[in-house]
């Protein structure tokens, strides 16, 4: 990478090493969103409910995770394409919006399950137990929101720095 004073304004700019680890963390978060979406969300005695059993949002969250992963890979490889680098920031912001949607859904279900009443019947607690998939979905969605926002901000700063 050369400095902009030398006349070389190639993409990606010199700030790439600073946000590339964040971009890779965002990719890992999309994998977490997809795995958490199909994993167990709650269990009651002998029954287990996964994310795909949760209706439309149970299908939407892995879809948003997959689309976010594709968008982040495209953002990672954008320097090898002939497209305008100004489009990388809106692409990363769309990933942040998808992360907010998954986080909102995950937190809503998590709070509902935490507030659900539980009873004791002969020493056995009867009530919904939160599965690890819902925790993974919620945590990964939060990480995706933060990392995508950082990548979008860094992309926007880089484009402004190297604007003709």
N, C-alpha and C. Protein backbone atom coordinates (compact mmCIF):
# COMPACT_ATOMS: atom_id res chain seq x y z
N UNK A 1 0.84 -1.18 0.00
CA UNK A 1 0.00 0.00 0.00
C UNK A 1 0.88 1.24 0.00
N UNK A 2 0.52 2.16 -0.83
CA UNK A 2 1.27 3.40 -0.88
C UNK A 2 0.40 4.53 -0.37
N UNK A 3 1.04 5.59 0.02
CA UNK A 3 0.33 6.76 0.56
C UNK A 3 -0.32 7.53 -0.57
N UNK A 4 -1.35 8.32 -0.28
CA UNK A 4 -2.02 9.07 -1.33
C UNK A 4 -1.15 10.15 -1.97
N UNK A 5 -0.06 10.58 -1.30
CA UNK A 5 0.81 11.61 -1.87
C UNK A 5 1.52 11.10 -3.12
N UNK A 6 1.72 9.80 -3.24
CA UNK A 6 2.46 9.26 -4.36
C UNK A 6 1.63 9.20 -5.63
N UNK A 7 0.35 9.58 -5.55
CA UNK A 7 -0.49 9.56 -6.73
C UNK A 7 -1.25 8.27 -6.91
N UNK A 8 -0.96 7.25 -6.11
CA UNK A 8 -1.65 5.97 -6.21
C UNK A 8 -2.84 5.98 -5.27
N UNK A 9 -4.02 6.04 -5.83
CA UNK A 9 -5.25 6.04 -5.02
C UNK A 9 -5.99 4.73 -5.23
N UNK A 10 -5.28 3.63 -5.09
CA UNK A 10 -5.89 2.32 -5.33
C UNK A 10 -6.81 1.95 -4.18
N UNK A 11 -7.70 1.08 -4.50
CA UNK A 11 -8.64 0.57 -3.51
C UNK A 11 -8.24 -0.84 -3.17
N UNK A 12 -8.25 -1.32 -2.03
CA UNK A 12 -8.64 -0.67 -0.79
C UNK A 12 -7.53 0.23 -0.28
N UNK A 13 -7.90 1.27 0.43
CA UNK A 13 -6.92 2.24 0.92
C UNK A 13 -6.10 1.70 2.07
N UNK A 14 -5.24 2.57 2.60
CA UNK A 14 -4.29 2.14 3.63
C UNK A 14 -4.94 1.81 4.97
N UNK A 15 -6.21 2.14 5.17
CA UNK A 15 -6.84 1.82 6.45
C UNK A 15 -7.32 0.37 6.49
N UNK A 16 -7.10 -0.38 5.42
CA UNK A 16 -7.57 -1.76 5.33
C UNK A 16 -7.11 -2.63 6.50
N UNK A 17 -5.84 -2.58 6.91
CA UNK A 17 -5.44 -3.46 8.01
C UNK A 17 -6.18 -3.18 9.31
N UNK A 18 -6.72 -1.97 9.47
CA UNK A 18 -7.37 -1.63 10.72
C UNK A 18 -8.77 -2.22 10.83
N UNK A 19 -9.48 -2.33 9.71
CA UNK A 19 -10.83 -2.85 9.82
C UNK A 19 -10.98 -4.27 9.28
N UNK A 20 -9.97 -4.83 8.70
CA UNK A 20 -10.06 -6.21 8.21
C UNK A 20 -10.32 -7.21 9.34
N UNK A 21 -9.67 -7.13 10.49
CA UNK A 21 -10.02 -8.05 11.58
C UNK A 21 -11.46 -7.87 12.05
N UNK A 22 -11.94 -6.65 12.01
CA UNK A 22 -13.33 -6.40 12.38
C UNK A 22 -14.27 -7.03 11.36
N UNK A 23 -13.90 -6.96 10.10
CA UNK A 23 -14.69 -7.58 9.04
C UNK A 23 -14.72 -9.09 9.20
N UNK A 24 -13.61 -9.69 9.57
CA UNK A 24 -13.56 -11.13 9.79
C UNK A 24 -14.37 -11.51 11.03
N UNK A 25 -14.35 -10.67 12.06
CA UNK A 25 -15.19 -10.92 13.24
C UNK A 25 -16.67 -10.83 12.86
N UNK A 26 -17.01 -9.93 11.96
CA UNK A 26 -18.39 -9.84 11.47
C UNK A 26 -18.79 -11.09 10.71
N UNK A 27 -17.87 -11.64 9.92
CA UNK A 27 -18.15 -12.90 9.22
C UNK A 27 -18.38 -14.04 10.21
N UNK A 28 -17.58 -14.08 11.27
CA UNK A 28 -17.78 -15.10 12.31
C UNK A 28 -19.13 -14.90 13.00
N UNK A 29 -19.54 -13.65 13.18
CA UNK A 29 -20.83 -13.38 13.80
C UNK A 29 -21.98 -13.83 12.91
N UNK A 30 -21.83 -13.71 11.58
CA UNK A 30 -22.89 -14.20 10.70
C UNK A 30 -23.02 -15.72 10.79
N UNK A 31 -21.90 -16.39 10.95
CA UNK A 31 -21.95 -17.84 11.15
C UNK A 31 -22.66 -18.16 12.47
N UNK A 32 -22.38 -17.38 13.50
CA UNK A 32 -23.05 -17.56 14.78
C UNK A 32 -24.54 -17.32 14.69
N UNK A 33 -24.95 -16.32 13.90
CA UNK A 33 -26.38 -16.05 13.72
C UNK A 33 -27.05 -17.24 13.02
N UNK A 34 -26.40 -17.77 12.00
CA UNK A 34 -27.00 -18.89 11.27
C UNK A 34 -27.07 -20.15 12.13
N UNK A 35 -26.02 -20.44 12.88
CA UNK A 35 -26.02 -21.63 13.74
C UNK A 35 -27.03 -21.46 14.88
N UNK A 36 -27.04 -20.28 15.48
CA UNK A 36 -27.99 -20.02 16.57
C UNK A 36 -29.43 -20.05 16.11
N UNK A 37 -29.67 -19.74 14.84
CA UNK A 37 -31.04 -19.72 14.33
C UNK A 37 -31.63 -21.11 14.17
N UNK A 38 -30.80 -22.09 13.94
CA UNK A 38 -31.30 -23.46 13.74
C UNK A 38 -31.09 -24.35 14.96
N UNK A 39 -30.51 -23.83 16.00
CA UNK A 39 -30.21 -24.59 17.21
C UNK A 39 -31.37 -24.49 18.20
N UNK A 40 -31.30 -25.26 19.31
CA UNK A 40 -32.38 -25.22 20.31
C UNK A 40 -32.53 -23.85 20.96
N UNK A 41 -33.76 -23.34 20.97
CA UNK A 41 -34.06 -22.06 21.59
C UNK A 41 -34.66 -22.22 22.96
N UNK A 42 -35.48 -23.22 23.14
CA UNK A 42 -36.05 -23.45 24.46
C UNK A 42 -36.42 -24.91 24.61
N UNK A 43 -36.52 -25.32 25.85
CA UNK A 43 -36.94 -26.68 26.14
C UNK A 43 -37.86 -26.66 27.35
N UNK A 44 -38.86 -27.50 27.27
CA UNK A 44 -39.81 -27.68 28.36
C UNK A 44 -39.93 -29.18 28.59
N UNK A 45 -39.52 -29.62 29.73
CA UNK A 45 -39.48 -31.02 30.14
C UNK A 45 -38.79 -31.86 29.05
N UNK A 46 -39.53 -32.51 28.18
CA UNK A 46 -38.95 -33.38 27.16
C UNK A 46 -38.97 -32.76 25.76
N UNK A 47 -39.58 -31.61 25.60
CA UNK A 47 -39.73 -31.01 24.29
C UNK A 47 -38.70 -29.91 24.08
N UNK A 48 -38.17 -29.88 22.86
CA UNK A 48 -37.20 -28.86 22.50
C UNK A 48 -37.70 -28.15 21.25
N UNK A 49 -37.60 -26.82 21.26
CA UNK A 49 -38.01 -26.01 20.13
C UNK A 49 -36.78 -25.33 19.55
N UNK A 50 -36.56 -25.52 18.26
CA UNK A 50 -35.43 -24.85 17.61
C UNK A 50 -35.91 -23.56 16.96
N UNK A 51 -34.99 -22.81 16.41
CA UNK A 51 -35.34 -21.56 15.79
C UNK A 51 -36.22 -21.72 14.56
N UNK A 52 -36.04 -22.81 13.84
CA UNK A 52 -36.85 -23.03 12.65
C UNK A 52 -38.30 -23.34 12.99
N UNK A 53 -38.57 -23.72 14.23
CA UNK A 53 -39.93 -23.98 14.68
C UNK A 53 -40.64 -22.72 15.16
N UNK A 54 -39.94 -21.59 15.15
CA UNK A 54 -40.48 -20.36 15.73
C UNK A 54 -41.28 -19.51 14.74
N UNK A 55 -41.62 -20.04 13.61
CA UNK A 55 -42.42 -19.30 12.65
C UNK A 55 -41.57 -18.53 11.66
N UNK A 56 -42.11 -17.41 11.20
CA UNK A 56 -41.44 -16.64 10.14
C UNK A 56 -40.09 -16.08 10.57
N UNK A 57 -39.98 -15.61 11.81
CA UNK A 57 -38.70 -15.07 12.26
C UNK A 57 -37.66 -16.15 12.40
N UNK A 58 -38.09 -17.35 12.68
CA UNK A 58 -37.14 -18.45 12.76
C UNK A 58 -36.52 -18.78 11.42
N UNK A 59 -37.21 -18.44 10.35
CA UNK A 59 -36.67 -18.63 9.01
C UNK A 59 -35.94 -17.36 8.55
N UNK A 60 -36.40 -16.22 9.01
CA UNK A 60 -35.81 -14.95 8.59
C UNK A 60 -34.41 -14.75 9.14
N UNK A 61 -34.18 -15.14 10.39
CA UNK A 61 -32.86 -14.90 10.98
C UNK A 61 -31.74 -15.66 10.29
N UNK A 62 -31.88 -16.95 9.92
CA UNK A 62 -30.77 -17.55 9.18
C UNK A 62 -30.61 -16.97 7.78
N UNK A 63 -31.73 -16.52 7.20
CA UNK A 63 -31.65 -15.89 5.88
C UNK A 63 -30.89 -14.57 5.97
N UNK A 64 -31.22 -13.76 6.97
CA UNK A 64 -30.50 -12.49 7.16
C UNK A 64 -29.03 -12.75 7.48
N UNK A 65 -28.75 -13.80 8.24
CA UNK A 65 -27.36 -14.14 8.54
C UNK A 65 -26.59 -14.54 7.29
N UNK A 66 -27.22 -15.33 6.43
CA UNK A 66 -26.55 -15.75 5.19
C UNK A 66 -26.34 -14.56 4.25
N UNK A 67 -27.35 -13.72 4.10
CA UNK A 67 -27.21 -12.54 3.24
C UNK A 67 -26.16 -11.57 3.79
N UNK A 68 -26.11 -11.44 5.11
CA UNK A 68 -25.09 -10.58 5.72
C UNK A 68 -23.69 -11.15 5.50
N UNK A 69 -23.56 -12.46 5.59
CA UNK A 69 -22.27 -13.09 5.32
C UNK A 69 -21.81 -12.86 3.89
N UNK A 70 -22.75 -12.99 2.95
CA UNK A 70 -22.41 -12.74 1.54
C UNK A 70 -22.00 -11.29 1.35
N UNK A 71 -22.75 -10.37 1.96
CA UNK A 71 -22.43 -8.95 1.83
C UNK A 71 -21.05 -8.62 2.42
N UNK A 72 -20.71 -9.25 3.54
CA UNK A 72 -19.40 -8.98 4.14
C UNK A 72 -18.27 -9.59 3.32
N UNK A 73 -18.50 -10.75 2.70
CA UNK A 73 -17.48 -11.33 1.82
C UNK A 73 -17.28 -10.43 0.60
N UNK A 74 -18.37 -9.93 0.04
CA UNK A 74 -18.26 -9.00 -1.08
C UNK A 74 -17.50 -7.75 -0.64
N UNK A 75 -17.77 -7.26 0.55
CA UNK A 75 -17.06 -6.10 1.07
C UNK A 75 -15.57 -6.40 1.26
N UNK A 76 -15.27 -7.61 1.69
CA UNK A 76 -13.88 -8.02 1.89
C UNK A 76 -13.13 -8.08 0.56
N UNK A 77 -13.80 -8.54 -0.49
CA UNK A 77 -13.16 -8.71 -1.79
C UNK A 77 -13.43 -7.55 -2.74
N UNK A 78 -13.95 -6.43 -2.24
CA UNK A 78 -14.35 -5.32 -3.10
C UNK A 78 -13.18 -4.73 -3.87
N UNK A 79 -11.99 -4.76 -3.32
CA UNK A 79 -10.83 -4.19 -3.99
C UNK A 79 -10.46 -4.89 -5.27
N UNK A 80 -10.94 -6.10 -5.47
CA UNK A 80 -10.63 -6.87 -6.68
C UNK A 80 -11.70 -6.71 -7.75
N UNK A 81 -12.67 -5.85 -7.49
CA UNK A 81 -13.75 -5.63 -8.45
C UNK A 81 -13.61 -4.25 -9.08
N UNK A 82 -14.20 -4.04 -10.26
CA UNK A 82 -14.11 -2.73 -10.90
C UNK A 82 -15.19 -1.75 -10.43
N UNK A 83 -15.93 -2.09 -9.38
CA UNK A 83 -17.05 -1.26 -8.94
C UNK A 83 -16.56 -0.06 -8.12
N UNK A 84 -17.44 0.91 -8.01
CA UNK A 84 -17.15 2.15 -7.28
C UNK A 84 -16.99 1.85 -5.79
N UNK A 85 -15.90 2.26 -5.18
CA UNK A 85 -15.68 1.97 -3.76
C UNK A 85 -16.65 2.69 -2.83
N UNK A 86 -17.38 3.69 -3.33
CA UNK A 86 -18.34 4.39 -2.48
C UNK A 86 -19.52 3.50 -2.10
N UNK A 87 -19.70 2.39 -2.78
CA UNK A 87 -20.82 1.50 -2.47
C UNK A 87 -20.55 0.55 -1.31
N UNK A 88 -19.32 0.53 -0.82
CA UNK A 88 -19.00 -0.41 0.27
C UNK A 88 -19.64 0.01 1.59
N UNK A 89 -19.71 1.31 1.85
CA UNK A 89 -20.30 1.76 3.11
C UNK A 89 -21.79 1.44 3.19
N UNK A 90 -22.61 1.72 2.16
CA UNK A 90 -24.02 1.33 2.25
C UNK A 90 -24.22 -0.18 2.36
N UNK A 91 -23.34 -0.94 1.73
CA UNK A 91 -23.43 -2.39 1.84
C UNK A 91 -23.18 -2.84 3.27
N UNK A 92 -22.19 -2.25 3.92
CA UNK A 92 -21.90 -2.59 5.32
C UNK A 92 -23.01 -2.10 6.25
N UNK A 93 -23.60 -0.93 5.95
CA UNK A 93 -24.70 -0.46 6.78
C UNK A 93 -25.92 -1.37 6.65
N UNK A 94 -26.13 -1.95 5.48
CA UNK A 94 -27.26 -2.89 5.34
C UNK A 94 -27.04 -4.12 6.21
N UNK A 95 -25.80 -4.54 6.36
CA UNK A 95 -25.49 -5.66 7.26
C UNK A 95 -25.77 -5.26 8.71
N UNK A 96 -25.46 -4.02 9.06
CA UNK A 96 -25.75 -3.56 10.42
C UNK A 96 -27.25 -3.55 10.69
N UNK A 97 -28.04 -3.15 9.69
CA UNK A 97 -29.51 -3.15 9.84
C UNK A 97 -30.02 -4.58 10.00
N UNK A 98 -29.47 -5.52 9.24
CA UNK A 98 -29.87 -6.92 9.38
C UNK A 98 -29.50 -7.45 10.77
N UNK A 99 -28.35 -7.03 11.28
CA UNK A 99 -27.95 -7.42 12.63
C UNK A 99 -28.89 -6.87 13.68
N UNK A 100 -29.34 -5.63 13.50
CA UNK A 100 -30.30 -5.03 14.44
C UNK A 100 -31.62 -5.79 14.40
N UNK A 101 -32.06 -6.20 13.22
CA UNK A 101 -33.31 -6.96 13.12
C UNK A 101 -33.20 -8.30 13.85
N UNK A 102 -32.09 -9.00 13.66
CA UNK A 102 -31.90 -10.28 14.36
C UNK A 102 -31.76 -10.07 15.86
N UNK A 103 -31.07 -9.01 16.27
CA UNK A 103 -30.91 -8.73 17.69
C UNK A 103 -32.24 -8.39 18.34
N UNK A 104 -33.06 -7.61 17.64
CA UNK A 104 -34.37 -7.24 18.18
C UNK A 104 -35.23 -8.49 18.39
N UNK A 105 -35.24 -9.37 17.42
CA UNK A 105 -36.03 -10.58 17.56
C UNK A 105 -35.48 -11.48 18.67
N UNK A 106 -34.16 -11.65 18.69
CA UNK A 106 -33.56 -12.51 19.72
C UNK A 106 -33.81 -11.99 21.13
N UNK A 107 -33.66 -10.68 21.33
CA UNK A 107 -33.90 -10.11 22.65
C UNK A 107 -35.36 -10.20 23.05
N UNK A 108 -36.26 -10.01 22.09
CA UNK A 108 -37.69 -10.11 22.40
C UNK A 108 -38.05 -11.50 22.91
N UNK A 109 -37.61 -12.52 22.19
CA UNK A 109 -37.90 -13.89 22.62
C UNK A 109 -37.18 -14.21 23.93
N UNK A 110 -35.96 -13.75 24.08
CA UNK A 110 -35.19 -14.01 25.30
C UNK A 110 -35.87 -13.40 26.52
N UNK A 111 -36.34 -12.16 26.41
CA UNK A 111 -37.01 -11.51 27.54
C UNK A 111 -38.33 -12.19 27.86
N UNK A 112 -39.06 -12.59 26.83
CA UNK A 112 -40.31 -13.31 27.07
C UNK A 112 -40.08 -14.62 27.81
N UNK A 113 -39.02 -15.33 27.43
CA UNK A 113 -38.75 -16.61 28.10
C UNK A 113 -38.22 -16.41 29.51
N UNK A 114 -37.44 -15.37 29.72
CA UNK A 114 -36.95 -15.10 31.08
C UNK A 114 -38.08 -14.69 32.01
N UNK A 115 -39.10 -14.03 31.47
CA UNK A 115 -40.23 -13.56 32.29
C UNK A 115 -41.35 -14.60 32.39
N UNK A 116 -41.21 -15.72 31.71
CA UNK A 116 -42.26 -16.75 31.74
C UNK A 116 -42.34 -17.37 33.14
N UNK A 117 -43.55 -17.64 33.59
CA UNK A 117 -43.69 -18.24 34.93
C UNK A 117 -43.20 -19.68 34.97
N UNK A 118 -42.63 -20.04 36.11
CA UNK A 118 -42.15 -21.40 36.33
C UNK A 118 -42.74 -21.91 37.63
N UNK A 119 -43.04 -23.18 37.67
CA UNK A 119 -43.59 -23.78 38.88
C UNK A 119 -42.79 -25.00 39.26
N UNK A 120 -42.92 -25.39 40.51
CA UNK A 120 -42.29 -26.61 41.00
C UNK A 120 -43.36 -27.67 41.18
N UNK A 121 -43.12 -28.81 40.62
CA UNK A 121 -44.03 -29.94 40.75
C UNK A 121 -43.21 -31.13 41.22
N UNK A 122 -43.38 -31.48 42.48
CA UNK A 122 -42.63 -32.58 43.10
C UNK A 122 -41.12 -32.40 42.96
N UNK A 123 -40.67 -31.17 43.13
CA UNK A 123 -39.25 -30.88 43.09
C UNK A 123 -38.69 -30.69 41.69
N UNK A 124 -39.53 -30.75 40.69
CA UNK A 124 -39.09 -30.55 39.31
C UNK A 124 -39.59 -29.19 38.84
N UNK A 125 -38.70 -28.37 38.34
CA UNK A 125 -39.09 -27.07 37.84
C UNK A 125 -39.71 -27.24 36.46
N UNK A 126 -40.93 -26.77 36.34
CA UNK A 126 -41.63 -26.85 35.07
C UNK A 126 -41.78 -25.45 34.52
N UNK A 127 -41.26 -25.25 33.36
CA UNK A 127 -41.29 -23.96 32.69
C UNK A 127 -40.27 -23.97 31.58
N UNK A 128 -40.28 -22.95 30.75
CA UNK A 128 -39.34 -22.94 29.63
C UNK A 128 -37.91 -22.67 30.09
N UNK A 129 -36.99 -23.46 29.56
CA UNK A 129 -35.57 -23.26 29.78
C UNK A 129 -34.96 -22.75 28.48
N UNK A 130 -34.19 -21.71 28.57
CA UNK A 130 -33.62 -21.09 27.37
C UNK A 130 -32.50 -21.96 26.84
N UNK A 131 -32.55 -22.24 25.54
CA UNK A 131 -31.53 -23.05 24.88
C UNK A 131 -30.33 -22.23 24.46
N UNK A 132 -29.26 -22.91 24.18
CA UNK A 132 -28.02 -22.23 23.83
C UNK A 132 -28.10 -21.55 22.46
N UNK A 133 -28.97 -22.00 21.60
CA UNK A 133 -29.10 -21.39 20.28
C UNK A 133 -29.62 -19.97 20.34
N UNK A 134 -30.55 -19.72 21.25
CA UNK A 134 -31.09 -18.36 21.40
C UNK A 134 -30.04 -17.41 21.97
N UNK A 135 -29.24 -17.91 22.91
CA UNK A 135 -28.15 -17.09 23.44
C UNK A 135 -27.13 -16.79 22.35
N UNK A 136 -26.81 -17.80 21.54
CA UNK A 136 -25.84 -17.60 20.46
C UNK A 136 -26.37 -16.62 19.42
N UNK A 137 -27.64 -16.74 19.07
CA UNK A 137 -28.24 -15.82 18.11
C UNK A 137 -28.18 -14.38 18.62
N UNK A 138 -28.54 -14.18 19.87
CA UNK A 138 -28.57 -12.83 20.43
C UNK A 138 -27.17 -12.23 20.53
N UNK A 139 -26.23 -12.99 21.03
CA UNK A 139 -24.85 -12.50 21.16
C UNK A 139 -24.23 -12.24 19.79
N UNK A 140 -24.41 -13.16 18.86
CA UNK A 140 -23.84 -12.98 17.52
C UNK A 140 -24.47 -11.81 16.79
N UNK A 141 -25.75 -11.59 17.00
CA UNK A 141 -26.41 -10.44 16.38
C UNK A 141 -25.85 -9.13 16.91
N UNK A 142 -25.59 -9.08 18.21
CA UNK A 142 -25.00 -7.87 18.80
C UNK A 142 -23.59 -7.62 18.24
N UNK A 143 -22.81 -8.68 18.13
CA UNK A 143 -21.46 -8.55 17.56
C UNK A 143 -21.54 -8.11 16.10
N UNK A 144 -22.51 -8.65 15.37
CA UNK A 144 -22.68 -8.28 13.97
C UNK A 144 -23.04 -6.80 13.82
N UNK A 145 -23.89 -6.30 14.69
CA UNK A 145 -24.25 -4.87 14.65
C UNK A 145 -23.02 -3.99 14.84
N UNK A 146 -22.23 -4.32 15.83
CA UNK A 146 -21.05 -3.50 16.16
C UNK A 146 -20.00 -3.59 15.05
N UNK A 147 -19.69 -4.80 14.61
CA UNK A 147 -18.63 -4.95 13.61
C UNK A 147 -19.03 -4.34 12.27
N UNK A 148 -20.28 -4.53 11.86
CA UNK A 148 -20.72 -3.95 10.59
C UNK A 148 -20.71 -2.43 10.65
N UNK A 149 -21.05 -1.86 11.80
CA UNK A 149 -21.01 -0.41 11.95
C UNK A 149 -19.58 0.12 11.86
N UNK A 150 -18.65 -0.59 12.46
CA UNK A 150 -17.24 -0.17 12.40
C UNK A 150 -16.72 -0.26 10.97
N UNK A 151 -17.05 -1.36 10.29
CA UNK A 151 -16.60 -1.52 8.90
C UNK A 151 -17.20 -0.44 8.01
N UNK A 152 -18.48 -0.14 8.19
CA UNK A 152 -19.11 0.90 7.37
C UNK A 152 -18.49 2.26 7.62
N UNK A 153 -18.21 2.56 8.87
CA UNK A 153 -17.58 3.85 9.20
C UNK A 153 -16.18 3.94 8.62
N UNK A 154 -15.41 2.88 8.73
CA UNK A 154 -14.05 2.88 8.19
C UNK A 154 -14.07 2.97 6.67
N UNK A 155 -15.01 2.29 6.03
CA UNK A 155 -15.12 2.39 4.58
C UNK A 155 -15.46 3.80 4.15
N UNK A 156 -16.39 4.43 4.85
CA UNK A 156 -16.78 5.80 4.51
C UNK A 156 -15.61 6.76 4.70
N UNK A 157 -14.84 6.59 5.78
CA UNK A 157 -13.67 7.45 5.99
C UNK A 157 -12.62 7.23 4.91
N UNK A 158 -12.43 5.98 4.50
CA UNK A 158 -11.44 5.68 3.48
C UNK A 158 -11.83 6.27 2.14
N UNK A 159 -13.10 6.20 1.81
CA UNK A 159 -13.56 6.76 0.53
C UNK A 159 -13.41 8.26 0.53
N UNK A 160 -13.71 8.92 1.66
CA UNK A 160 -13.53 10.36 1.75
C UNK A 160 -12.05 10.74 1.65
N UNK A 161 -11.18 9.94 2.22
CA UNK A 161 -9.76 10.23 2.20
C UNK A 161 -9.20 10.14 0.79
N UNK A 162 -9.68 9.16 0.02
CA UNK A 162 -9.14 8.93 -1.31
C UNK A 162 -10.04 9.46 -2.42
N UNK A 163 -10.95 10.37 -2.08
CA UNK A 163 -11.83 10.96 -3.11
C UNK A 163 -11.01 11.80 -4.06
N UNK A 164 -11.35 11.75 -5.36
CA UNK A 164 -10.57 12.54 -6.32
C UNK A 164 -10.83 14.02 -6.18
